[in-house]
Amino acid sequence: MSDAPPSGLRWRLLRGYLRRELPGWGWLYTRLGGNDERRWRNAGIVELRGKLDGYRVPLDLSNWSERLSWFLGRYHDLPLLLALRASLRPGDAFVDIGANLGMLALPACRLVGPAGSVLACEPNPALAQRLERLARDNGIAELRVAATALGSAPGQAELMVFDGHSGWGSLVAAAPDGRPTTSQVSVPVSTGDALLADHPAERPLVLKIDVEGFEVPALHGLRQTIARHRPLIFIEAVEDHQRRAGHSLAELRGELEPHGYRGYCLAVRRAGLSGQRLEFSPFRGDPEQPPDVLYVPADGPLRARVAELLPRGS
C-alpha cells in the first residue's frame, strides 16, 4: 500500500464503508492496515463530526482507539453506545467515571439534552483539559468536567499512564500486558457520594464506571448515592484489570448484587445489512463473558426503561 493515510483513495473508500458499518468492516479494516501502528505513527490530528451526536472532536490517528473512532464516526464500543441510547432520556443526569476522551460523554449530552446534565470525571489533567475544550468548542452547557479520580475516600493518588492508549491510565501501578509507563502524575481522589451529594432525588441518574481495575473502590465511594437514587450502572468488568488492582469480579459483584441489583452483559447481533441489535445476558462473573455490564435495580422507573431488553424471567 503506497497511499499515505488518511488522504489516499483506499482510505476514503474504507472510511465510507466503515461509517455505514457494512458486513465485514472489521476484517476489511484489519486487512487494509487499519491496525498497522507503523503506518499511522505520523498521520496527525483530524477532526471528526460524530455521526451519533454531531459534535466536533479532534482525534489523533496514531492512537488505535481514536483512529477507529474516526473511521466509524463513533466510539468503537457499540454495545455501550446502544445501551446508553436505550437508557437515557431528556432531562436525565449521566455521570461518566473514567471519561477519557469524552466519546461516551458527548453522545450522552445529545441524549439528555439541555435540560439534562453530564458530569465527566477524568483524573488525567491533559484529558480533563481536552474535555473542557470540547464542551467549550461545541457550546455544550450541560457538560461539566471533574478533574478527579473516584475512590472509597478522598485523598491523592498516583495516576499511571501506559503506552498505546490514553484510556489505559490507571491508579494501578501494574501495566496491562506489561506496557511501558509513559507518564506518572499525582491526582486528587474524591468520592462519588461527595460529588453527587446535592443531586435532586427526582432526577433520574445513570452511571458509567470504567477505571481500569479501580471499579470496586469507586463503588465503595458511591454507596450512599446508589442506595438513595437506585441508578442504572454501566461498569467495565475485566478480570485482569481487577486482579492487577488487588480485586476480583466476585468482589465487584458483591458490591451490588446483595443490594437488589442484577448484572447483564451487553453484546450486539447484526440485524440486516447495516443494523445492530442490542442483546443482554446474565452476568455470572465469568472472565470469558463480554466486559460491558449493565447493573439494573430490582424495581423502579429506571428498570422499566430496559425491562423489555432483559432476558425473559429476569
C-alpha atoms as a PDB file:
ATOM      1  CA  MET A   1       0.000   0.000   0.000  1.00  0.00           C
ATOM      2  CA  SER A   2       1.524   3.262  -1.107  1.00  0.00           C
ATOM      3  CA  ASP A   3      -1.271   5.683  -0.223  1.00  0.00           C
ATOM      4  CA  ALA A   4      -0.437   7.909   2.721  1.00  0.00           C
ATOM      5  CA  PRO A   5      -3.250   7.846   5.303  1.00  0.00           C
ATOM      6  CA  PRO A   6      -5.714   9.366   5.678  1.00  0.00           C
ATOM      7  CA  SER A   7      -5.773  11.098   2.259  1.00  0.00           C
ATOM      8  CA  GLY A   8      -5.324   8.092  -0.045  1.00  0.00           C
ATOM      9  CA  LEU A   9      -8.257   6.895  -2.133  1.00  0.00           C
ATOM     10  CA  ARG A  10      -8.402   3.488  -0.490  1.00  0.00           C
ATOM     11  CA  TRP A  11      -8.690   5.077   2.956  1.00  0.00           C
ATOM     12  CA  ARG A  12     -11.517   7.346   1.831  1.00  0.00           C
ATOM     13  CA  LEU A  13     -13.349   4.344   0.403  1.00  0.00           C
ATOM     14  CA  LEU A  14     -12.665   2.315   3.529  1.00  0.00           C
ATOM     15  CA  ARG A  15     -13.940   5.099   5.747  1.00  0.00           C
ATOM     16  CA  GLY A  16     -17.150   5.314   3.737  1.00  0.00           C
ATOM     17  CA  TYR A  17     -17.655   1.561   4.129  1.00  0.00           C
ATOM     18  CA  LEU A  18     -16.907   1.600   7.850  1.00  0.00           C
ATOM     19  CA  ARG A  19     -19.153   4.578   8.571  1.00  0.00           C
ATOM     20  CA  ARG A  20     -22.043   2.546   7.175  1.00  0.00           C
ATOM     21  CA  GLU A  21     -20.884  -0.429   9.289  1.00  0.00           C
ATOM     22  CA  LEU A  22     -21.498  -2.852   6.458  1.00  0.00           C
ATOM     23  CA  PRO A  23     -20.789  -6.593   6.861  1.00  0.00           C
ATOM     24  CA  GLY A  24     -17.134  -7.499   7.292  1.00  0.00           C
ATOM     25  CA  TRP A  25     -15.965  -3.988   8.081  1.00  0.00           C
ATOM     26  CA  GLY A  26     -13.693  -5.180  10.902  1.00  0.00           C
ATOM     27  CA  TRP A  27     -11.976  -7.757   8.699  1.00  0.00           C
ATOM     28  CA  LEU A  28     -11.553  -5.220   5.913  1.00  0.00           C
ATOM     29  CA  TYR A  29     -10.138  -2.590   8.276  1.00  0.00           C
ATOM     30  CA  THR A  30      -7.520  -5.012   9.562  1.00  0.00           C
ATOM     31  CA  ARG A  31      -6.755  -6.432   6.123  1.00  0.00           C
ATOM     32  CA  LEU A  32      -6.028  -2.999   4.652  1.00  0.00           C
ATOM     33  CA  GLY A  33      -3.761  -1.949   7.502  1.00  0.00           C
ATOM     34  CA  GLY A  34      -6.017  -0.054   9.881  1.00  0.00           C
ATOM     35  CA  ASN A  35      -4.234  -1.711  12.810  1.00  0.00           C
ATOM     36  CA  ASP A  36      -0.730  -1.186  11.400  1.00  0.00           C
ATOM     37  CA  GLU A  37       0.742   1.154  14.018  1.00  0.00           C
ATOM     38  CA  ARG A  38       3.803   1.977  11.895  1.00  0.00           C
ATOM     39  CA  ARG A  39       1.672   3.281   9.036  1.00  0.00           C
ATOM     40  CA  TRP A  40      -0.285   5.635  11.282  1.00  0.00           C
ATOM     41  CA  ARG A  41       2.517   6.842  13.538  1.00  0.00           C
ATOM     42  CA  ASN A  42       2.770  10.268  11.863  1.00  0.00           C
ATOM     43  CA  ALA A  43      -0.762  10.549  10.466  1.00  0.00           C
ATOM     44  CA  GLY A  44      -1.533  13.574  12.636  1.00  0.00           C
ATOM     45  CA  ILE A  45      -4.721  15.100  14.021  1.00  0.00           C
ATOM     46  CA  VAL A  46      -8.053  15.080  12.159  1.00  0.00           C
ATOM     47  CA  GLU A  47     -11.481  16.374  13.115  1.00  0.00           C
ATOM     48  CA  LEU A  48     -14.466  14.086  13.477  1.00  0.00           C
ATOM     49  CA  ARG A  49     -18.071  15.220  13.433  1.00  0.00           C
ATOM     50  CA  GLY A  50     -19.717  12.382  15.317  1.00  0.00           C
ATOM     51  CA  LYS A  51     -22.448  10.632  13.364  1.00  0.00           C
ATOM     52  CA  LEU A  52     -24.451   9.953  16.548  1.00  0.00           C
ATOM     53  CA  ASP A  53     -24.223  13.361  18.191  1.00  0.00           C
ATOM     54  CA  GLY A  54     -22.950  15.857  15.601  1.00  0.00           C
ATOM     55  CA  TYR A  55     -20.223  17.266  17.860  1.00  0.00           C
ATOM     56  CA  ARG A  56     -16.746  18.118  16.540  1.00  0.00           C
ATOM     57  CA  VAL A  57     -13.859  16.169  18.103  1.00  0.00           C
ATOM     58  CA  PRO A  58     -10.131  16.327  17.214  1.00  0.00           C
ATOM     59  CA  LEU A  59      -8.677  12.820  17.022  1.00  0.00           C
ATOM     60  CA  ASP A  60      -5.083  11.600  16.932  1.00  0.00           C
ATOM     61  CA  LEU A  61      -4.770   8.949  14.216  1.00  0.00           C
ATOM     62  CA  SER A  62      -1.648   7.482  15.806  1.00  0.00           C
ATOM     63  CA  ASN A  63      -3.869   6.223  18.668  1.00  0.00           C
ATOM     64  CA  TRP A  64      -5.682   2.999  17.698  1.00  0.00           C
ATOM     65  CA  SER A  65      -8.874   3.906  19.563  1.00  0.00           C
ATOM     66  CA  GLU A  66      -9.131   7.421  18.163  1.00  0.00           C
ATOM     67  CA  ARG A  67      -8.281   6.126  14.686  1.00  0.00           C
ATOM     68  CA  LEU A  68     -11.045   3.548  14.776  1.00  0.00           C
ATOM     69  CA  SER A  69     -13.485   6.174  16.038  1.00  0.00           C
ATOM     70  CA  TRP A  70     -12.545   8.407  13.092  1.00  0.00           C
ATOM     71  CA  PHE A  71     -13.259   5.636  10.600  1.00  0.00           C
ATOM     72  CA  LEU A  72     -16.535   4.574  12.238  1.00  0.00           C
ATOM     73  CA  GLY A  73     -17.752   8.061  13.092  1.00  0.00           C
ATOM     74  CA  ARG A  74     -18.428   6.965  16.659  1.00  0.00           C
ATOM     75  CA  TYR A  75     -16.850   5.411  19.739  1.00  0.00           C
ATOM     76  CA  HIS A  76     -15.826   1.846  18.922  1.00  0.00           C
ATOM     77  CA  ASP A  77     -17.733   0.251  21.852  1.00  0.00           C
ATOM     78  CA  LEU A  78     -21.102  -0.220  20.132  1.00  0.00           C
ATOM     79  CA  PRO A  79     -22.862  -2.286  22.858  1.00  0.00           C
ATOM     80  CA  LEU A  80     -22.277   0.508  25.355  1.00  0.00           C
ATOM     81  CA  LEU A  81     -23.465   3.185  22.934  1.00  0.00           C
ATOM     82  CA  LEU A  82     -26.661   1.292  22.104  1.00  0.00           C
ATOM     83  CA  ALA A  83     -27.353   0.626  25.782  1.00  0.00           C
ATOM     84  CA  LEU A  84     -26.942   4.318  26.603  1.00  0.00           C
ATOM     85  CA  ARG A  85     -29.404   5.154  23.845  1.00  0.00           C
ATOM     86  CA  ALA A  86     -31.896   2.734  25.395  1.00  0.00           C
ATOM     87  CA  SER A  87     -31.326   4.050  28.928  1.00  0.00           C
ATOM     88  CA  LEU A  88     -31.013   7.843  28.785  1.00  0.00           C
ATOM     89  CA  ARG A  89     -33.875  10.317  28.372  1.00  0.00           C
ATOM     90  CA  PRO A  90     -34.006  14.127  28.026  1.00  0.00           C
ATOM     91  CA  GLY A  91     -33.527  15.717  31.442  1.00  0.00           C
ATOM     92  CA  ASP A  92     -31.546  12.811  32.922  1.00  0.00           C
ATOM     93  CA  ALA A  93     -28.198  13.063  34.677  1.00  0.00           C
ATOM     94  CA  PHE A  94     -25.304  10.945  33.380  1.00  0.00           C
ATOM     95  CA  VAL A  95     -22.016  10.540  35.258  1.00  0.00           C
ATOM     96  CA  ASP A  96     -19.109   9.250  33.178  1.00  0.00           C
ATOM     97  CA  ILE A  97     -16.492   7.953  35.621  1.00  0.00           C
ATOM     98  CA  GLY A  98     -13.305   7.463  33.661  1.00  0.00           C
ATOM     99  CA  ALA A  99     -14.427   9.728  30.805  1.00  0.00           C
ATOM    100  CA  ASN A 100     -11.147   9.537  28.847  1.00  0.00           C
ATOM    101  CA  LEU A 101     -11.646  11.377  25.501  1.00  0.00           C
ATOM    102  CA  GLY A 102     -15.357  12.034  26.005  1.00  0.00           C
ATOM    103  CA  MET A 103     -16.526   9.628  23.300  1.00  0.00           C
ATOM    104  CA  LEU A 104     -19.374   8.480  25.573  1.00  0.00           C
ATOM    105  CA  ALA A 105     -19.953  11.792  27.341  1.00  0.00           C
ATOM    106  CA  LEU A 106     -20.692  13.558  24.036  1.00  0.00           C
ATOM    107  CA  PRO A 107     -23.473  11.246  22.805  1.00  0.00           C
ATOM    108  CA  ALA A 108     -24.824  11.282  26.366  1.00  0.00           C
ATOM    109  CA  CYS A 109     -25.057  15.095  26.143  1.00  0.00           C
ATOM    110  CA  ARG A 110     -27.139  14.756  22.989  1.00  0.00           C
ATOM    111  CA  LEU A 111     -29.418  12.181  24.660  1.00  0.00           C
ATOM    112  CA  VAL A 112     -30.074  14.116  27.899  1.00  0.00           C
ATOM    113  CA  GLY A 113     -30.368  17.451  26.085  1.00  0.00           C
ATOM    114  CA  PRO A 114     -30.147  20.971  27.531  1.00  0.00           C
ATOM    115  CA  ALA A 115     -32.490  20.041  30.384  1.00  0.00           C
ATOM    116  CA  GLY A 116     -30.141  17.244  31.493  1.00  0.00           C
ATOM    117  CA  SER A 117     -26.592  17.124  32.758  1.00  0.00           C
ATOM    118  CA  VAL A 118     -23.419  15.148  32.099  1.00  0.00           C
ATOM    119  CA  LEU A 119     -20.590  15.013  34.627  1.00  0.00           C
ATOM    120  CA  ALA A 120     -17.326  13.719  33.122  1.00  0.00           C
ATOM    121  CA  CYS A 121     -14.904  12.530  35.821  1.00  0.00           C
ATOM    122  CA  GLU A 122     -11.370  12.269  34.424  1.00  0.00           C
ATOM    123  CA  PRO A 123      -8.228  12.426  36.610  1.00  0.00           C
ATOM    124  CA  ASN A 124      -5.699  12.723  33.753  1.00  0.00           C
ATOM    125  CA  PRO A 125      -5.084  16.516  33.595  1.00  0.00           C
ATOM    126  CA  ALA A 126      -4.415  16.508  29.846  1.00  0.00           C
ATOM    127  CA  LEU A 127      -7.638  14.639  29.112  1.00  0.00           C
ATOM    128  CA  ALA A 128      -9.666  16.775  31.538  1.00  0.00           C
ATOM    129  CA  GLN A 129      -8.467  19.904  29.722  1.00  0.00           C
ATOM    130  CA  ARG A 130      -9.336  18.285  26.422  1.00  0.00           C
ATOM    131  CA  LEU A 131     -12.871  17.566  27.680  1.00  0.00           C
ATOM    132  CA  GLU A 132     -13.263  21.164  28.799  1.00  0.00           C
ATOM    133  CA  ARG A 133     -12.205  22.361  25.323  1.00  0.00           C
ATOM    134  CA  LEU A 134     -14.716  20.001  23.715  1.00  0.00           C
ATOM    135  CA  ALA A 135     -17.510  21.427  25.850  1.00  0.00           C
ATOM    136  CA  ARG A 136     -16.448  24.991  25.058  1.00  0.00           C
ATOM    137  CA  ASP A 137     -15.821  24.493  21.333  1.00  0.00           C
ATOM    138  CA  ASN A 138     -19.134  22.685  20.833  1.00  0.00           C
ATOM    139  CA  GLY A 139     -21.141  25.009  23.078  1.00  0.00           C
ATOM    140  CA  ILE A 140     -22.305  22.172  25.369  1.00  0.00           C
ATOM    141  CA  ALA A 141     -23.533  23.885  28.520  1.00  0.00           C
ATOM    142  CA  GLU A 142     -24.769  20.622  30.051  1.00  0.00           C
ATOM    143  CA  LEU A 143     -21.273  19.034  30.108  1.00  0.00           C
ATOM    144  CA  ARG A 144     -19.271  19.582  33.302  1.00  0.00           C
ATOM    145  CA  VAL A 145     -15.796  18.167  33.956  1.00  0.00           C
ATOM    146  CA  ALA A 146     -14.483  16.979  37.323  1.00  0.00           C
ATOM    147  CA  ALA A 147     -10.691  16.533  37.118  1.00  0.00           C
ATOM    148  CA  THR A 148     -10.556  13.826  39.758  1.00  0.00           C
ATOM    149  CA  ALA A 149     -10.417  10.088  40.257  1.00  0.00           C
ATOM    150  CA  LEU A 150     -13.170   8.416  42.285  1.00  0.00           C
ATOM    151  CA  GLY A 151     -12.391   6.112  45.174  1.00  0.00           C
ATOM    152  CA  SER A 152     -13.546   4.958  48.593  1.00  0.00           C
ATOM    153  CA  ALA A 153     -12.182   8.038  50.403  1.00  0.00           C
ATOM    154  CA  PRO A 154     -10.868  11.485  49.452  1.00  0.00           C
ATOM    155  CA  GLY A 155      -7.138  11.993  49.072  1.00  0.00           C
ATOM    156  CA  GLN A 156      -4.365  11.857  46.491  1.00  0.00           C
ATOM    157  CA  ALA A 157      -3.129   9.022  44.282  1.00  0.00           C
ATOM    158  CA  GLU A 158      -0.590   8.386  41.544  1.00  0.00           C
ATOM    159  CA  LEU A 159      -2.070   8.058  38.073  1.00  0.00           C
ATOM    160  CA  MET A 160      -0.024   5.871  35.731  1.00  0.00           C
ATOM    161  CA  VAL A 161      -0.467   6.446  32.001  1.00  0.00           C
ATOM    162  CA  PHE A 162       0.573   3.479  29.876  1.00  0.00           C
ATOM    163  CA  ASP A 163       1.782   3.364  26.297  1.00  0.00           C
ATOM    164  CA  GLY A 164      -0.687   2.670  23.495  1.00  0.00           C
ATOM    165  CA  HIS A 165      -3.952   4.300  24.538  1.00  0.00           C
ATOM    166  CA  SER A 166      -4.939   7.179  26.835  1.00  0.00           C
ATOM    167  CA  GLY A 167      -7.778   5.049  28.238  1.00  0.00           C
ATOM    168  CA  TRP A 168      -5.270   2.716  29.867  1.00  0.00           C
ATOM    169  CA  GLY A 169      -4.376   5.283  32.518  1.00  0.00           C
ATOM    170  CA  SER A 170      -4.883   3.743  35.942  1.00  0.00           C
ATOM    171  CA  LEU A 171      -4.318   4.176  39.664  1.00  0.00           C
ATOM    172  CA  VAL A 172      -2.910   0.640  39.491  1.00  0.00           C
ATOM    173  CA  ALA A 173       0.873   0.595  39.071  1.00  0.00           C
ATOM    174  CA  ALA A 174       0.953  -2.680  37.112  1.00  0.00           C
ATOM    175  CA  ALA A 175       0.574  -2.043  33.377  1.00  0.00           C
ATOM    176  CA  PRO A 176      -1.753  -4.081  31.136  1.00  0.00           C
ATOM    177  CA  ASP A 177       0.244  -6.609  29.095  1.00  0.00           C
ATOM    178  CA  GLY A 178       3.497  -5.276  30.534  1.00  0.00           C
ATOM    179  CA  ARG A 179       3.236  -1.998  28.600  1.00  0.00           C
ATOM    180  CA  PRO A 180       5.723   0.756  29.489  1.00  0.00           C
ATOM    181  CA  THR A 181       4.613   3.728  31.570  1.00  0.00           C
ATOM    182  CA  THR A 182       4.728   6.979  29.608  1.00  0.00           C
ATOM    183  CA  SER A 183       3.923   9.335  32.489  1.00  0.00           C
ATOM    184  CA  GLN A 184       3.004   9.468  36.153  1.00  0.00           C
ATOM    185  CA  VAL A 185       1.124  12.277  37.883  1.00  0.00           C
ATOM    186  CA  SER A 186      -0.349  12.892  41.322  1.00  0.00           C
ATOM    187  CA  VAL A 187      -4.121  13.392  41.075  1.00  0.00           C
ATOM    188  CA  PRO A 188      -6.932  14.149  43.533  1.00  0.00           C
ATOM    189  CA  VAL A 189      -9.302  11.379  44.601  1.00  0.00           C
ATOM    190  CA  SER A 190     -12.906  12.166  45.532  1.00  0.00           C
ATOM    191  CA  THR A 191     -15.900  10.050  46.450  1.00  0.00           C
ATOM    192  CA  GLY A 192     -18.889   9.868  44.180  1.00  0.00           C
ATOM    193  CA  ASP A 193     -21.108  10.461  47.203  1.00  0.00           C
ATOM    194  CA  ALA A 194     -19.435  13.831  47.795  1.00  0.00           C
ATOM    195  CA  LEU A 195     -19.679  14.852  44.130  1.00  0.00           C
ATOM    196  CA  LEU A 196     -23.351  13.874  43.924  1.00  0.00           C
ATOM    197  CA  ALA A 197     -24.474  14.887  47.422  1.00  0.00           C
ATOM    198  CA  ASP A 198     -26.770  17.599  46.041  1.00  0.00           C
ATOM    199  CA  HIS A 199     -28.227  15.531  43.210  1.00  0.00           C
ATOM    200  CA  PRO A 200     -32.020  16.016  43.223  1.00  0.00           C
ATOM    201  CA  ALA A 201     -33.950  12.908  44.216  1.00  0.00           C
ATOM    202  CA  GLU A 202     -36.415  13.364  41.354  1.00  0.00           C
ATOM    203  CA  ARG A 203     -33.792  13.455  38.563  1.00  0.00           C
ATOM    204  CA  PRO A 204     -33.025  10.007  37.067  1.00  0.00           C
ATOM    205  CA  LEU A 205     -29.354   9.090  37.371  1.00  0.00           C
ATOM    206  CA  VAL A 206     -27.249   6.828  35.153  1.00  0.00           C
ATOM    207  CA  LEU A 207     -23.624   5.982  35.992  1.00  0.00           C
ATOM    208  CA  LYS A 208     -20.822   4.541  33.877  1.00  0.00           C
ATOM    209  CA  ILE A 209     -17.646   3.302  35.605  1.00  0.00           C
ATOM    210  CA  ASP A 210     -14.566   2.304  33.604  1.00  0.00           C
ATOM    211  CA  VAL A 211     -11.437   2.919  35.673  1.00  0.00           C
ATOM    212  CA  GLU A 212      -9.075   0.068  34.741  1.00  0.00           C
ATOM    213  CA  GLY A 213      -9.413  -2.085  37.858  1.00  0.00           C
ATOM    214  CA  PHE A 214     -10.378   0.615  40.370  1.00  0.00           C
ATOM    215  CA  GLU A 215     -14.120  -0.057  39.988  1.00  0.00           C
ATOM    216  CA  VAL A 216     -14.546  -1.614  43.450  1.00  0.00           C
ATOM    217  CA  PRO A 217     -13.144   1.407  45.367  1.00  0.00           C
ATOM    218  CA  ALA A 218     -15.217   3.718  43.148  1.00  0.00           C
ATOM    219  CA  LEU A 219     -18.350   1.764  44.093  1.00  0.00           C
ATOM    220  CA  HIS A 220     -17.360   1.978  47.783  1.00  0.00           C
ATOM    221  CA  GLY A 221     -17.466   5.753  47.485  1.00  0.00           C
ATOM    222  CA  LEU A 222     -20.863   5.666  45.766  1.00  0.00           C
ATOM    223  CA  ARG A 223     -22.771   3.554  48.295  1.00  0.00           C
ATOM    224  CA  GLN A 224     -24.973   6.370  49.588  1.00  0.00           C
ATOM    225  CA  THR A 225     -25.751   7.584  46.071  1.00  0.00           C
ATOM    226  CA  ILE A 226     -26.652   4.077  44.905  1.00  0.00           C
ATOM    227  CA  ALA A 227     -28.888   3.470  47.940  1.00  0.00           C
ATOM    228  CA  ARG A 228     -30.646   6.827  47.549  1.00  0.00           C
ATOM    229  CA  HIS A 229     -31.106   7.049  43.772  1.00  0.00           C
ATOM    230  CA  ARG A 230     -31.010   3.414  42.563  1.00  0.00           C
ATOM    231  CA  PRO A 231     -29.297   4.419  39.305  1.00  0.00           C
ATOM    232  CA  LEU A 232     -28.594   2.276  36.290  1.00  0.00           C
ATOM    233  CA  ILE A 233     -24.885   1.430  36.445  1.00  0.00           C
ATOM    234  CA  PHE A 234     -22.722   0.584  33.446  1.00  0.00           C
ATOM    235  CA  ILE A 235     -19.445  -0.935  34.533  1.00  0.00           C
ATOM    236  CA  GLU A 236     -16.413  -2.487  32.861  1.00  0.00           C
ATOM    237  CA  ALA A 237     -15.816  -5.965  34.304  1.00  0.00           C
ATOM    238  CA  VAL A 238     -12.385  -7.262  33.247  1.00  0.00           C
ATOM    239  CA  GLU A 239     -10.807  -9.927  35.458  1.00  0.00           C
ATOM    240  CA  ASP A 240      -7.231  -8.962  34.545  1.00  0.00           C
ATOM    241  CA  HIS A 241      -7.815  -5.314  35.499  1.00  0.00           C
ATOM    242  CA  GLN A 242      -9.410  -6.355  38.795  1.00  0.00           C
ATOM    243  CA  ARG A 243      -6.558  -8.726  39.625  1.00  0.00           C
ATOM    244  CA  ARG A 244      -3.882  -6.099  38.958  1.00  0.00           C
ATOM    245  CA  ALA A 245      -5.711  -3.772  41.361  1.00  0.00           C
ATOM    246  CA  GLY A 246      -5.990  -6.439  44.054  1.00  0.00           C
ATOM    247  CA  HIS A 247      -9.698  -7.088  43.489  1.00  0.00           C
ATOM    248  CA  SER A 248     -11.846  -9.620  41.622  1.00  0.00           C
ATOM    249  CA  LEU A 249     -15.045  -9.896  39.634  1.00  0.00           C
ATOM    250  CA  ALA A 250     -16.582 -11.676  42.620  1.00  0.00           C
ATOM    251  CA  GLU A 251     -15.808  -8.670  44.796  1.00  0.00           C
ATOM    252  CA  LEU A 252     -17.284  -6.349  42.194  1.00  0.00           C
ATOM    253  CA  ARG A 253     -20.493  -8.381  42.113  1.00  0.00           C
ATOM    254  CA  GLY A 254     -20.578  -8.309  45.906  1.00  0.00           C
ATOM    255  CA  GLU A 255     -20.770  -4.526  45.862  1.00  0.00           C
ATOM    256  CA  LEU A 256     -24.121  -4.505  44.056  1.00  0.00           C
ATOM    257  CA  GLU A 257     -25.941  -7.833  43.951  1.00  0.00           C
ATOM    258  CA  PRO A 258     -26.693  -8.076  47.708  1.00  0.00           C
ATOM    259  CA  HIS A 259     -28.462  -4.714  47.379  1.00  0.00           C
ATOM    260  CA  GLY A 260     -31.018  -5.751  44.796  1.00  0.00           C
ATOM    261  CA  TYR A 261     -29.028  -5.233  41.612  1.00  0.00           C
ATOM    262  CA  ARG A 262     -28.539  -7.757  38.825  1.00  0.00           C
ATOM    263  CA  GLY A 263     -25.866  -7.540  36.167  1.00  0.00           C
ATOM    264  CA  TYR A 264     -26.302  -8.151  32.442  1.00  0.00           C
ATOM    265  CA  CYS A 265     -23.549  -8.410  29.837  1.00  0.00           C
ATOM    266  CA  LEU A 266     -24.017  -6.301  26.725  1.00  0.00           C
ATOM    267  CA  ALA A 267     -23.479  -7.590  23.201  1.00  0.00           C
ATOM    268  CA  VAL A 268     -24.750  -6.830  19.697  1.00  0.00           C
ATOM    269  CA  ARG A 269     -26.013  -9.019  16.891  1.00  0.00           C
ATOM    270  CA  ARG A 270     -26.247  -7.887  13.283  1.00  0.00           C
ATOM    271  CA  ALA A 271     -29.787  -7.118  12.132  1.00  0.00           C
ATOM    272  CA  GLY A 272     -29.977  -6.549   8.404  1.00  0.00           C
ATOM    273  CA  LEU A 273     -27.307  -5.047   6.195  1.00  0.00           C
ATOM    274  CA  SER A 274     -26.139  -2.268   8.493  1.00  0.00           C
ATOM    275  CA  GLY A 275     -28.281  -2.604  11.638  1.00  0.00           C
ATOM    276  CA  GLN A 276     -27.188  -3.878  15.032  1.00  0.00           C
ATOM    277  CA  ARG A 277     -29.418  -5.280  17.770  1.00  0.00           C
ATOM    278  CA  LEU A 278     -28.538  -4.981  21.438  1.00  0.00           C
ATOM    279  CA  GLU A 279     -28.615  -8.203  23.477  1.00  0.00           C
ATOM    280  CA  PHE A 280     -28.398  -8.826  27.231  1.00  0.00           C
ATOM    281  CA  SER A 281     -27.260 -11.973  29.055  1.00  0.00           C
ATOM    282  CA  PRO A 282     -26.901 -12.602  32.816  1.00  0.00           C
ATOM    283  CA  PHE A 283     -23.510 -11.611  34.221  1.00  0.00           C
ATOM    284  CA  ARG A 284     -22.043 -14.529  36.181  1.00  0.00           C
ATOM    285  CA  GLY A 285     -18.587 -13.146  36.859  1.00  0.00           C
ATOM    286  CA  ASP A 286     -17.095 -15.344  34.139  1.00  0.00           C
ATOM    287  CA  PRO A 287     -13.872 -13.737  32.754  1.00  0.00           C
ATOM    288  CA  GLU A 288     -14.828 -15.006  29.291  1.00  0.00           C
ATOM    289  CA  GLN A 289     -18.074 -13.012  29.204  1.00  0.00           C
ATOM    290  CA  PRO A 290     -18.296  -9.634  27.400  1.00  0.00           C
ATOM    291  CA  PRO A 291     -16.733  -6.897  29.571  1.00  0.00           C
ATOM    292  CA  ASP A 292     -19.527  -4.312  29.337  1.00  0.00           C
ATOM    293  CA  VAL A 293     -22.049  -4.937  32.112  1.00  0.00           C
ATOM    294  CA  LEU A 294     -25.239  -3.074  33.000  1.00  0.00           C
ATOM    295  CA  TYR A 295     -26.371  -3.373  36.610  1.00  0.00           C
ATOM    296  CA  VAL A 296     -30.121  -2.874  36.959  1.00  0.00           C
ATOM    297  CA  PRO A 297     -32.057  -2.307  40.210  1.00  0.00           C
ATOM    298  CA  ALA A 298     -34.793  -4.787  41.064  1.00  0.00           C
ATOM    299  CA  ASP A 299     -37.564  -2.229  40.607  1.00  0.00           C
ATOM    300  CA  GLY A 300     -38.287   1.386  39.852  1.00  0.00           C
ATOM    301  CA  PRO A 301     -38.695   3.586  36.749  1.00  0.00           C
ATOM    302  CA  LEU A 302     -35.124   3.138  35.533  1.00  0.00           C
ATOM    303  CA  ARG A 303     -35.521  -0.629  35.431  1.00  0.00           C
ATOM    304  CA  ALA A 304     -38.675  -0.170  33.368  1.00  0.00           C
ATOM    305  CA  ARG A 305     -36.658   1.568  30.648  1.00  0.00           C
ATOM    306  CA  VAL A 306     -34.615  -1.543  29.905  1.00  0.00           C
ATOM    307  CA  ALA A 307     -37.003  -4.258  31.127  1.00  0.00           C
ATOM    308  CA  GLU A 308     -38.045  -5.292  27.614  1.00  0.00           C
ATOM    309  CA  LEU A 309     -34.406  -5.881  26.664  1.00  0.00           C
ATOM    310  CA  LEU A 310     -33.592  -8.145  29.595  1.00  0.00           C
ATOM    311  CA  PRO A 311     -33.679 -11.942  29.313  1.00  0.00           C
ATOM    312  CA  ARG A 312     -37.090 -13.466  29.977  1.00  0.00           C
ATOM    313  CA  GLY A 313     -37.595 -14.226  33.664  1.00  0.00           C
ATOM    314  CA  SER A 314     -35.090 -11.585  34.866  1.00  0.00           C
END
